[in-house]
C-alpha cells in the first residue's frame, strides 16, 4: 500500500501515509481497489465514532479517513464506466454514519 500511496500526486505527508497504512493494514494490497479503500475508511470512521473523535488527538485519524475516501474516488476514476455506480454505493455507505445523529 505504501508504494501506491507514495505514487499519489501531490504526495501525502509521511505522517499521513503512516496513519493511512496503519488504518488499512491487512485490508488493502499493493494496488488497492476503490472498494478496499472505502472499506478501510468506513471501518476506521466507525471506530472513531464509537470511541469519540472530539479531541485533537483524533485529527490525524480523521485526515486519514478523508484521504482514504479521496483515494477511493481517485482509484474509481480509473474505470469511468463504473464511476456512477461506485459513487452511488459510496454515498449510501458513508451517509449511514449520519443516521445516529439527526439534524
PDB file of N, CA and C in Angstrom:
ATOM      1  N   UNK A   1       0.825  -1.200   0.000  1.00  0.00           N
ATOM      2  CA  UNK A   1       0.000   0.000   0.000  1.00  0.00           C
ATOM      3  C   UNK A   1       0.858   1.249   0.000  1.00  0.00           C
ATOM      4  N   UNK A   2       1.945   1.250   0.746  1.00  0.00           N
ATOM      5  CA  UNK A   2       2.787   2.444   0.824  1.00  0.00           C
ATOM      6  C   UNK A   2       3.317   2.859  -0.537  1.00  0.00           C
ATOM      7  N   UNK A   3       3.661   1.881  -1.375  1.00  0.00           N
ATOM      8  CA  UNK A   3       4.146   2.196  -2.723  1.00  0.00           C
ATOM      9  C   UNK A   3       3.063   2.948  -3.488  1.00  0.00           C
ATOM     10  N   UNK A   4       1.842   2.445  -3.429  1.00  0.00           N
ATOM     11  CA  UNK A   4       0.736   3.078  -4.132  1.00  0.00           C
ATOM     12  C   UNK A   4       0.508   4.490  -3.592  1.00  0.00           C
ATOM     13  N   UNK A   5       0.547   4.633  -2.269  1.00  0.00           N
ATOM     14  CA  UNK A   5       0.356   5.950  -1.656  1.00  0.00           C
ATOM     15  C   UNK A   5       1.462   6.916  -2.055  1.00  0.00           C
ATOM     16  N   UNK A   6       2.673   6.435  -2.055  1.00  0.00           N
ATOM     17  CA  UNK A   6       3.792   7.302  -2.413  1.00  0.00           C
ATOM     18  C   UNK A   6       3.731   7.741  -3.868  1.00  0.00           C
ATOM     19  N   UNK A   7       2.975   7.013  -4.671  1.00  0.00           N
ATOM     20  CA  UNK A   7       2.810   7.364  -6.071  1.00  0.00           C
ATOM     21  C   UNK A   7       1.754   8.428  -6.310  1.00  0.00           C
ATOM     22  N   UNK A   8       1.044   8.828  -5.268  1.00  0.00           N
ATOM     23  CA  UNK A   8      -0.003   9.852  -5.420  1.00  0.00           C
ATOM     24  C   UNK A   8       0.646  11.214  -5.613  1.00  0.00           C
ATOM     25  N   UNK A   9      -0.050  12.059  -6.328  1.00  0.00           N
ATOM     26  CA  UNK A   9       0.443  13.417  -6.549  1.00  0.00           C
ATOM     27  C   UNK A   9      -0.683  14.391  -6.238  1.00  0.00           C
ATOM     28  N   UNK A  10      -0.451  15.306  -5.349  1.00  0.00           N
ATOM     29  CA  UNK A  10       0.778  15.511  -4.584  1.00  0.00           C
ATOM     30  C   UNK A  10       0.939  14.417  -3.527  1.00  0.00           C
ATOM     31  N   UNK A  11       2.161  14.175  -3.183  1.00  0.00           N
ATOM     32  CA  UNK A  11       2.462  13.138  -2.190  1.00  0.00           C
ATOM     33  C   UNK A  11       1.942  13.561  -0.818  1.00  0.00           C
ATOM     34  N   UNK A  12       1.277  12.650  -0.127  1.00  0.00           N
ATOM     35  CA  UNK A  12       0.820  12.981   1.227  1.00  0.00           C
ATOM     36  C   UNK A  12       2.007  13.055   2.186  1.00  0.00           C
ATOM     37  N   UNK A  13       1.885  13.834   3.254  1.00  0.00           N
ATOM     38  CA  UNK A  13       2.950  13.893   4.257  1.00  0.00           C
ATOM     39  C   UNK A  13       3.225  12.508   4.842  1.00  0.00           C
ATOM     40  N   UNK A  14       4.439  12.289   5.269  1.00  0.00           N
ATOM     41  CA  UNK A  14       4.841  10.968   5.761  1.00  0.00           C
ATOM     42  C   UNK A  14       4.002  10.509   6.958  1.00  0.00           C
ATOM     43  N   UNK A  15       3.644  11.415   7.857  1.00  0.00           N
ATOM     44  CA  UNK A  15       2.809  11.016   9.000  1.00  0.00           C
ATOM     45  C   UNK A  15       1.448  10.516   8.532  1.00  0.00           C
ATOM     46  N   UNK A  16       0.911  11.165   7.510  1.00  0.00           N
ATOM     47  CA  UNK A  16      -0.393  10.757   6.991  1.00  0.00           C
ATOM     48  C   UNK A  16      -0.279   9.406   6.293  1.00  0.00           C
ATOM     49  N   UNK A  17       0.770   9.190   5.518  1.00  0.00           N
ATOM     50  CA  UNK A  17       0.987   7.888   4.885  1.00  0.00           C
ATOM     51  C   UNK A  17       1.055   6.802   5.957  1.00  0.00           C
ATOM     52  N   UNK A  18       1.795   7.081   7.013  1.00  0.00           N
ATOM     53  CA  UNK A  18       1.917   6.105   8.098  1.00  0.00           C
ATOM     54  C   UNK A  18       0.586   5.765   8.719  1.00  0.00           C
ATOM     55  N   UNK A  19      -0.223   6.777   8.972  1.00  0.00           N
ATOM     56  CA  UNK A  19      -1.520   6.536   9.625  1.00  0.00           C
ATOM     57  C   UNK A  19      -2.478   5.821   8.685  1.00  0.00           C
ATOM     58  N   UNK A  20      -2.492   6.196   7.416  1.00  0.00           N
ATOM     59  CA  UNK A  20      -3.343   5.513   6.440  1.00  0.00           C
ATOM     60  C   UNK A  20      -2.948   4.040   6.373  1.00  0.00           C
ATOM     61  N   UNK A  21      -1.657   3.791   6.326  1.00  0.00           N
ATOM     62  CA  UNK A  21      -1.158   2.419   6.254  1.00  0.00           C
ATOM     63  C   UNK A  21      -1.585   1.623   7.488  1.00  0.00           C
ATOM     64  N   UNK A  22      -1.518   2.236   8.655  1.00  0.00           N
ATOM     65  CA  UNK A  22      -1.947   1.563   9.889  1.00  0.00           C
ATOM     66  C   UNK A  22      -3.449   1.263   9.868  1.00  0.00           C
ATOM     67  N   UNK A  23      -4.240   2.251   9.460  1.00  0.00           N
ATOM     68  CA  UNK A  23      -5.693   2.067   9.458  1.00  0.00           C
ATOM     69  C   UNK A  23      -6.131   1.016   8.446  1.00  0.00           C
ATOM     70  N   UNK A  24      -5.377   0.898   7.367  1.00  0.00           N
ATOM     71  CA  UNK A  24      -5.755  -0.024   6.301  1.00  0.00           C
ATOM     72  C   UNK A  24      -5.001  -1.343   6.359  1.00  0.00           C
ATOM     73  N   UNK A  25      -4.210  -1.541   7.379  1.00  0.00           N
ATOM     74  CA  UNK A  25      -3.381  -2.750   7.481  1.00  0.00           C
ATOM     75  C   UNK A  25      -4.223  -4.007   7.311  1.00  0.00           C
ATOM     76  N   UNK A  26      -3.772  -4.866   6.430  1.00  0.00           N
ATOM     77  CA  UNK A  26      -4.444  -6.133   6.201  1.00  0.00           C
ATOM     78  C   UNK A  26      -5.649  -6.057   5.291  1.00  0.00           C
ATOM     79  N   UNK A  27      -6.174  -4.862   5.046  1.00  0.00           N
ATOM     80  CA  UNK A  27      -7.375  -4.724   4.228  1.00  0.00           C
ATOM     81  C   UNK A  27      -7.057  -4.314   2.792  1.00  0.00           C
ATOM     82  N   UNK A  28      -5.849  -3.830   2.593  1.00  0.00           N
ATOM     83  CA  UNK A  28      -5.508  -3.261   1.292  1.00  0.00           C
ATOM     84  C   UNK A  28      -4.177  -3.811   0.825  1.00  0.00           C
ATOM     85  N   UNK A  29      -4.161  -4.239  -0.428  1.00  0.00           N
ATOM     86  CA  UNK A  29      -2.939  -4.764  -1.017  1.00  0.00           C
ATOM     87  C   UNK A  29      -2.124  -3.681  -1.697  1.00  0.00           C
ATOM     88  N   UNK A  30      -1.135  -4.086  -2.473  1.00  0.00           N
ATOM     89  CA  UNK A  30      -0.237  -3.125  -3.121  1.00  0.00           C
ATOM     90  C   UNK A  30      -0.936  -2.251  -4.164  1.00  0.00           C
ATOM     91  N   UNK A  31      -1.981  -2.757  -4.792  1.00  0.00           N
ATOM     92  CA  UNK A  31      -2.770  -1.976  -5.751  1.00  0.00           C
ATOM     93  C   UNK A  31      -4.220  -1.984  -5.297  1.00  0.00           C
ATOM     94  N   UNK A  32      -4.549  -1.121  -4.357  1.00  0.00           N
ATOM     95  CA  UNK A  32      -5.882  -1.174  -3.754  1.00  0.00           C
ATOM     96  C   UNK A  32      -6.993  -0.828  -4.731  1.00  0.00           C
ATOM     97  N   UNK A  33      -8.119  -1.497  -4.549  1.00  0.00           N
ATOM     98  CA  UNK A  33      -9.312  -1.191  -5.333  1.00  0.00           C
ATOM     99  C   UNK A  33     -10.073  -0.065  -4.635  1.00  0.00           C
ATOM    100  N   UNK A  34     -10.950   0.601  -5.365  1.00  0.00           N
ATOM    101  CA  UNK A  34     -11.769   1.628  -4.713  1.00  0.00           C
ATOM    102  C   UNK A  34     -12.566   1.058  -3.540  1.00  0.00           C
ATOM    103  N   UNK A  35     -13.069  -0.156  -3.696  1.00  0.00           N
ATOM    104  CA  UNK A  35     -13.864  -0.764  -2.635  1.00  0.00           C
ATOM    105  C   UNK A  35     -13.017  -1.040  -1.391  1.00  0.00           C
ATOM    106  N   UNK A  36     -11.797  -1.505  -1.587  1.00  0.00           N
ATOM    107  CA  UNK A  36     -10.915  -1.754  -0.444  1.00  0.00           C
ATOM    108  C   UNK A  36     -10.607  -0.458   0.298  1.00  0.00           C
ATOM    109  N   UNK A  37     -10.354   0.599  -0.436  1.00  0.00           N
ATOM    110  CA  UNK A  37     -10.062   1.890   0.185  1.00  0.00           C
ATOM    111  C   UNK A  37     -11.274   2.397   0.958  1.00  0.00           C
ATOM    112  N   UNK A  38     -12.444   2.254   0.355  1.00  0.00           N
ATOM    113  CA  UNK A  38     -13.667   2.690   1.034  1.00  0.00           C
ATOM    114  C   UNK A  38     -13.960   1.820   2.250  1.00  0.00           C
ATOM    115  N   UNK A  39     -13.721   0.513   2.146  1.00  0.00           N
ATOM    116  CA  UNK A  39     -13.891  -0.378   3.303  1.00  0.00           C
ATOM    117  C   UNK A  39     -13.015   0.072   4.470  1.00  0.00           C
ATOM    118  N   UNK A  40     -11.754   0.386   4.170  1.00  0.00           N
ATOM    119  CA  UNK A  40     -10.821   0.815   5.212  1.00  0.00           C
ATOM    120  C   UNK A  40     -11.278   2.129   5.837  1.00  0.00           C
ATOM    121  N   UNK A  41     -11.749   3.051   5.010  1.00  0.00           N
ATOM    122  CA  UNK A  41     -12.241   4.340   5.520  1.00  0.00           C
ATOM    123  C   UNK A  41     -13.462   4.141   6.405  1.00  0.00           C
ATOM    124  N   UNK A  42     -14.379   3.303   5.951  1.00  0.00           N
ATOM    125  CA  UNK A  42     -15.602   3.053   6.705  1.00  0.00           C
ATOM    126  C   UNK A  42     -15.303   2.397   8.051  1.00  0.00           C
ATOM    127  N   UNK A  43     -14.426   1.436   8.046  1.00  0.00           N
ATOM    128  CA  UNK A  43     -14.052   0.747   9.280  1.00  0.00           C
ATOM    129  C   UNK A  43     -13.393   1.706  10.275  1.00  0.00           C
ATOM    130  N   UNK A  44     -12.473   2.525   9.770  1.00  0.00           N
ATOM    131  CA  UNK A  44     -11.786   3.481  10.643  1.00  0.00           C
ATOM    132  C   UNK A  44     -12.761   4.525  11.187  1.00  0.00           C
ATOM    133  N   UNK A  45     -13.674   4.998  10.350  1.00  0.00           N
ATOM    134  CA  UNK A  45     -14.631   6.009  10.801  1.00  0.00           C
ATOM    135  C   UNK A  45     -15.580   5.426  11.838  1.00  0.00           C
ATOM    136  N   UNK A  46     -16.014   4.208  11.644  1.00  0.00           N
ATOM    137  CA  UNK A  46     -16.886   3.569  12.631  1.00  0.00           C
ATOM    138  C   UNK A  46     -16.184   3.468  13.978  1.00  0.00           C
ATOM    139  N   UNK A  47     -14.917   3.092  13.951  1.00  0.00           N
ATOM    140  CA  UNK A  47     -14.150   3.002  15.200  1.00  0.00           C
ATOM    141  C   UNK A  47     -14.018   4.372  15.842  1.00  0.00           C
ATOM    142  N   UNK A  48     -13.712   5.384  15.059  1.00  0.00           N
ATOM    143  CA  UNK A  48     -13.571   6.746  15.603  1.00  0.00           C
ATOM    144  C   UNK A  48     -14.868   7.223  16.242  1.00  0.00           C
ATOM    145  N   UNK A  49     -15.983   6.960  15.600  1.00  0.00           N
ATOM    146  CA  UNK A  49     -17.264   7.385  16.157  1.00  0.00           C
ATOM    147  C   UNK A  49     -17.600   6.626  17.435  1.00  0.00           C
ATOM    148  N   UNK A  50     -17.262   5.344  17.478  1.00  0.00           N
ATOM    149  CA  UNK A  50     -17.501   4.563  18.712  1.00  0.00           C
ATOM    150  C   UNK A  50     -16.671   5.108  19.868  1.00  0.00           C
ATOM    151  N   UNK A  51     -15.427   5.460  19.564  1.00  0.00           N
ATOM    152  CA  UNK A  51     -14.504   5.919  20.603  1.00  0.00           C
ATOM    153  C   UNK A  51     -14.667   7.402  20.921  1.00  0.00           C
ATOM    154  N   UNK A  52     -15.372   8.121  20.086  1.00  0.00           N
ATOM    155  CA  UNK A  52     -15.482   9.570  20.246  1.00  0.00           C
ATOM    156  C   UNK A  52     -14.299  10.221  19.558  1.00  0.00           C
ATOM    157  N   UNK A  53     -14.573  11.179  18.726  1.00  0.00           N
ATOM    158  CA  UNK A  53     -13.492  11.820  17.968  1.00  0.00           C
ATOM    159  C   UNK A  53     -13.599  13.333  18.140  1.00  0.00           C
ATOM    160  N   UNK A  54     -13.681  13.745  19.387  1.00  0.00           N
ATOM    161  CA  UNK A  54     -13.929  15.149  19.674  1.00  0.00           C
ATOM    162  C   UNK A  54     -12.690  15.924  20.112  1.00  0.00           C
ATOM    163  N   UNK A  55     -11.541  15.291  20.094  1.00  0.00           N
ATOM    164  CA  UNK A  55     -10.337  15.986  20.540  1.00  0.00           C
ATOM    165  C   UNK A  55      -9.299  16.039  19.424  1.00  0.00           C
ATOM    166  N   UNK A  56      -8.304  16.853  19.634  1.00  0.00           N
ATOM    167  CA  UNK A  56      -7.223  16.979  18.657  1.00  0.00           C
ATOM    168  C   UNK A  56      -6.500  15.669  18.401  1.00  0.00           C
ATOM    169  N   UNK A  57      -6.523  14.791  19.366  1.00  0.00           N
ATOM    170  CA  UNK A  57      -5.816  13.518  19.209  1.00  0.00           C
ATOM    171  C   UNK A  57      -6.408  12.677  18.075  1.00  0.00           C
ATOM    172  N   UNK A  58      -7.617  12.984  17.655  1.00  0.00           N
ATOM    173  CA  UNK A  58      -8.258  12.258  16.553  1.00  0.00           C
ATOM    174  C   UNK A  58      -7.998  12.900  15.194  1.00  0.00           C
ATOM    175  N   UNK A  59      -7.350  14.035  15.168  1.00  0.00           N
ATOM    176  CA  UNK A  59      -7.196  14.787  13.916  1.00  0.00           C
ATOM    177  C   UNK A  59      -6.501  13.976  12.820  1.00  0.00           C
ATOM    178  N   UNK A  60      -5.407  13.324  13.150  1.00  0.00           N
ATOM    179  CA  UNK A  60      -4.682  12.565  12.136  1.00  0.00           C
ATOM    180  C   UNK A  60      -5.528  11.399  11.618  1.00  0.00           C
ATOM    181  N   UNK A  61      -6.271  10.751  12.505  1.00  0.00           N
ATOM    182  CA  UNK A  61      -7.150   9.661  12.075  1.00  0.00           C
ATOM    183  C   UNK A  61      -8.238  10.178  11.139  1.00  0.00           C
ATOM    184  N   UNK A  62      -8.828  11.314  11.478  1.00  0.00           N
ATOM    185  CA  UNK A  62      -9.870  11.887  10.624  1.00  0.00           C
ATOM    186  C   UNK A  62      -9.315  12.288   9.260  1.00  0.00           C
ATOM    187  N   UNK A  63      -8.120  12.844   9.248  1.00  0.00           N
ATOM    188  CA  UNK A  63      -7.476  13.169   7.972  1.00  0.00           C
ATOM    189  C   UNK A  63      -7.195  11.912   7.161  1.00  0.00           C
ATOM    190  N   UNK A  64      -6.798  10.846   7.831  1.00  0.00           N
ATOM    191  CA  UNK A  64      -6.523   9.586   7.145  1.00  0.00           C
ATOM    192  C   UNK A  64      -7.800   9.000   6.546  1.00  0.00           C
ATOM    193  N   UNK A  65      -8.901   9.077   7.272  1.00  0.00           N
ATOM    194  CA  UNK A  65     -10.185   8.607   6.745  1.00  0.00           C
ATOM    195  C   UNK A  65     -10.563   9.427   5.513  1.00  0.00           C
ATOM    196  N   UNK A  66     -10.426  10.722   5.614  1.00  0.00           N
ATOM    197  CA  UNK A  66     -10.716  11.598   4.479  1.00  0.00           C
ATOM    198  C   UNK A  66      -9.842  11.234   3.278  1.00  0.00           C
ATOM    199  N   UNK A  67      -8.576  10.990   3.518  1.00  0.00           N
ATOM    200  CA  UNK A  67      -7.655  10.626   2.439  1.00  0.00           C
ATOM    201  C   UNK A  67      -8.047   9.289   1.814  1.00  0.00           C
ATOM    202  N   UNK A  68      -8.436   8.319   2.635  1.00  0.00           N
ATOM    203  CA  UNK A  68      -8.850   7.024   2.099  1.00  0.00           C
ATOM    204  C   UNK A  68     -10.063   7.158   1.182  1.00  0.00           C
ATOM    205  N   UNK A  69     -11.021   7.982   1.562  1.00  0.00           N
ATOM    206  CA  UNK A  69     -12.197   8.209   0.710  1.00  0.00           C
ATOM    207  C   UNK A  69     -11.771   8.915  -0.570  1.00  0.00           C
ATOM    208  N   UNK A  70     -10.929   9.921  -0.448  1.00  0.00           N
ATOM    209  CA  UNK A  70     -10.434  10.633  -1.631  1.00  0.00           C
ATOM    210  C   UNK A  70      -9.716   9.675  -2.569  1.00  0.00           C
ATOM    211  N   UNK A  71      -8.862   8.820  -2.020  1.00  0.00           N
ATOM    212  CA  UNK A  71      -8.125   7.867  -2.841  1.00  0.00           C
ATOM    213  C   UNK A  71      -9.054   6.816  -3.443  1.00  0.00           C
ATOM    214  N   UNK A  72     -10.130   6.478  -2.747  1.00  0.00           N
ATOM    215  CA  UNK A  72     -11.106   5.541  -3.307  1.00  0.00           C
ATOM    216  C   UNK A  72     -11.708   6.122  -4.584  1.00  0.00           C
ATOM    217  N   UNK A  73     -12.045   7.406  -4.539  1.00  0.00           N
ATOM    218  CA  UNK A  73     -12.604   8.044  -5.729  1.00  0.00           C
ATOM    219  C   UNK A  73     -11.547   8.239  -6.810  1.00  0.00           C
ATOM    220  N   UNK A  74     -10.332   8.507  -6.409  1.00  0.00           N
ATOM    221  CA  UNK A  74      -9.241   8.618  -7.385  1.00  0.00           C
ATOM    222  C   UNK A  74      -9.047   7.283  -8.100  1.00  0.00           C
ATOM    223  N   UNK A  75      -9.046   6.206  -7.340  1.00  0.00           N
ATOM    224  CA  UNK A  75      -8.904   4.875  -7.939  1.00  0.00           C
ATOM    225  C   UNK A  75     -10.117   4.537  -8.799  1.00  0.00           C
ATOM    226  N   UNK A  76     -11.304   4.926  -8.356  1.00  0.00           N
ATOM    227  CA  UNK A  76     -12.525   4.652  -9.120  1.00  0.00           C
ATOM    228  C   UNK A  76     -12.523   5.373 -10.461  1.00  0.00           C
ATOM    229  N   UNK A  77     -11.894   6.520 -10.528  1.00  0.00           N
ATOM    230  CA  UNK A  77     -11.851   7.299 -11.771  1.00  0.00           C
ATOM    231  C   UNK A  77     -11.064   6.581 -12.864  1.00  0.00           C
ATOM    232  N   UNK A  78     -10.285   5.576 -12.481  1.00  0.00           N
ATOM    233  CA  UNK A  78      -9.528   4.812 -13.474  1.00  0.00           C
ATOM    234  C   UNK A  78     -10.444   3.916 -14.309  1.00  0.00           C
ATOM    235  N   UNK A  79     -11.669   3.718 -13.858  1.00  0.00           N
ATOM    236  CA  UNK A  79     -12.674   2.960 -14.614  1.00  0.00           C
ATOM    237  C   UNK A  79     -13.923   3.828 -14.720  1.00  0.00           C
ATOM    238  N   UNK A  80     -13.907   4.837 -15.600  1.00  0.00           N
ATOM    239  CA  UNK A  80     -15.009   5.808 -15.648  1.00  0.00           C
ATOM    240  C   UNK A  80     -16.381   5.195 -15.904  1.00  0.00           C
ATOM    241  N   UNK A  81     -16.420   4.051 -16.569  1.00  0.00           N
ATOM    242  CA  UNK A  81     -17.715   3.420 -16.852  1.00  0.00           C
ATOM    243  C   UNK A  81     -18.386   2.905 -15.575  1.00  0.00           C
ATOM    244  N   UNK A  82     -17.635   2.732 -14.508  1.00  0.00           N
ATOM    245  CA  UNK A  82     -18.178   2.257 -13.233  1.00  0.00           C
ATOM    246  C   UNK A  82     -18.318   3.367 -12.200  1.00  0.00           C
ATOM    247  N   UNK A  83     -17.905   4.562 -12.550  1.00  0.00           N
ATOM    248  CA  UNK A  83     -17.839   5.657 -11.578  1.00  0.00           C
ATOM    249  C   UNK A  83     -19.198   6.011 -10.986  1.00  0.00           C
ATOM    250  N   UNK A  84     -20.234   6.094 -11.810  1.00  0.00           N
ATOM    251  CA  UNK A  84     -21.561   6.446 -11.280  1.00  0.00           C
ATOM    252  C   UNK A  84     -22.049   5.425 -10.253  1.00  0.00           C
ATOM    253  N   UNK A  85     -21.934   4.154 -10.584  1.00  0.00           N
ATOM    254  CA  UNK A  85     -22.404   3.108  -9.666  1.00  0.00           C
ATOM    255  C   UNK A  85     -21.580   3.103  -8.384  1.00  0.00           C
ATOM    256  N   UNK A  86     -20.276   3.249  -8.515  1.00  0.00           N
ATOM    257  CA  UNK A  86     -19.412   3.270  -7.324  1.00  0.00           C
ATOM    258  C   UNK A  86     -19.710   4.484  -6.457  1.00  0.00           C
ATOM    259  N   UNK A  87     -19.966   5.609  -7.088  1.00  0.00           N
ATOM    260  CA  UNK A  87     -20.279   6.828  -6.342  1.00  0.00           C
ATOM    261  C   UNK A  87     -21.583   6.657  -5.569  1.00  0.00           C
ATOM    262  N   UNK A  88     -22.591   6.084  -6.211  1.00  0.00           N
ATOM    263  CA  UNK A  88     -23.871   5.839  -5.540  1.00  0.00           C
ATOM    264  C   UNK A  88     -23.680   4.951  -4.308  1.00  0.00           C
ATOM    265  N   UNK A  89     -22.936   3.852  -4.477  1.00  0.00           N
ATOM    266  CA  UNK A  89     -22.713   2.930  -3.348  1.00  0.00           C
ATOM    267  C   UNK A  89     -21.935   3.616  -2.222  1.00  0.00           C
ATOM    268  N   UNK A  90     -20.935   4.400  -2.592  1.00  0.00           N
ATOM    269  CA  UNK A  90     -20.134   5.097  -1.581  1.00  0.00           C
ATOM    270  C   UNK A  90     -20.985   6.094  -0.803  1.00  0.00           C
ATOM    271  N   UNK A  91     -21.826   6.828  -1.492  1.00  0.00           N
ATOM    272  CA  UNK A  91     -22.681   7.804  -0.813  1.00  0.00           C
ATOM    273  C   UNK A  91     -23.643   7.129   0.157  1.00  0.00           C
ATOM    274  N   UNK A  92     -24.193   6.006  -0.240  1.00  0.00           N
ATOM    275  CA  UNK A  92     -25.092   5.271   0.649  1.00  0.00           C
ATOM    276  C   UNK A  92     -24.335   4.811   1.892  1.00  0.00           C
ATOM    277  N   UNK A  93     -23.164   4.232   1.670  1.00  0.00           N
ATOM    278  CA  UNK A  93     -22.381   3.718   2.795  1.00  0.00           C
ATOM    279  C   UNK A  93     -21.954   4.836   3.744  1.00  0.00           C
ATOM    280  N   UNK A  94     -21.442   5.922   3.190  1.00  0.00           N
ATOM    281  CA  UNK A  94     -20.927   6.999   4.033  1.00  0.00           C
ATOM    282  C   UNK A  94     -22.052   7.781   4.710  1.00  0.00           C
ATOM    283  N   UNK A  95     -23.175   7.928   4.038  1.00  0.00           N
ATOM    284  CA  UNK A  95     -24.284   8.672   4.658  1.00  0.00           C
ATOM    285  C   UNK A  95     -24.869   7.912   5.840  1.00  0.00           C
ATOM    286  N   UNK A  96     -24.649   6.615   5.910  1.00  0.00           N
ATOM    287  CA  UNK A  96     -25.146   5.821   7.041  1.00  0.00           C
ATOM    288  C   UNK A  96     -24.555   6.287   8.366  1.00  0.00           C
ATOM    289  N   UNK A  97     -23.394   6.915   8.318  1.00  0.00           N
ATOM    290  CA  UNK A  97     -22.783   7.417   9.557  1.00  0.00           C
ATOM    291  C   UNK A  97     -23.596   8.544  10.170  1.00  0.00           C
ATOM    292  N   UNK A  98     -24.392   9.240   9.376  1.00  0.00           N
ATOM    293  CA  UNK A  98     -25.204  10.355   9.878  1.00  0.00           C
ATOM    294  C   UNK A  98     -26.476   9.887  10.552  1.00  0.00           C
ATOM    295  N   UNK A  99     -26.909   8.664  10.335  1.00  0.00           N
ATOM    296  CA  UNK A  99     -28.183   8.187  10.866  1.00  0.00           C
ATOM    297  C   UNK A  99     -28.330   8.339  12.378  1.00  0.00           C
ATOM    298  N   UNK A 100     -27.293   8.015  13.171  1.00  0.00           N
ATOM    299  CA  UNK A 100     -27.477   8.168  14.615  1.00  0.00           C
ATOM    300  C   UNK A 100     -27.476   9.629  15.072  1.00  0.00           C
ATOM    301  N   UNK A 101     -27.216  10.543  14.158  1.00  0.00           N
ATOM    302  CA  UNK A 101     -27.070  11.962  14.507  1.00  0.00           C
ATOM    303  C   UNK A 101     -28.088  12.792  13.739  1.00  0.00           C
ATOM    304  N   UNK A 102     -29.373  12.761  14.151  1.00  0.00           N
ATOM    305  CA  UNK A 102     -30.394  13.516  13.414  1.00  0.00           C
ATOM    306  C   UNK A 102     -30.121  15.007  13.469  1.00  0.00           C
ATOM    307  N   UNK A 103     -30.562  15.672  12.419  1.00  0.00           N
ATOM    308  CA  UNK A 103     -30.379  17.138  12.326  1.00  0.00           C
ATOM    309  C   UNK A 103     -31.318  17.868  13.235  1.00  0.00           C
TER     310      UNK A 103
END
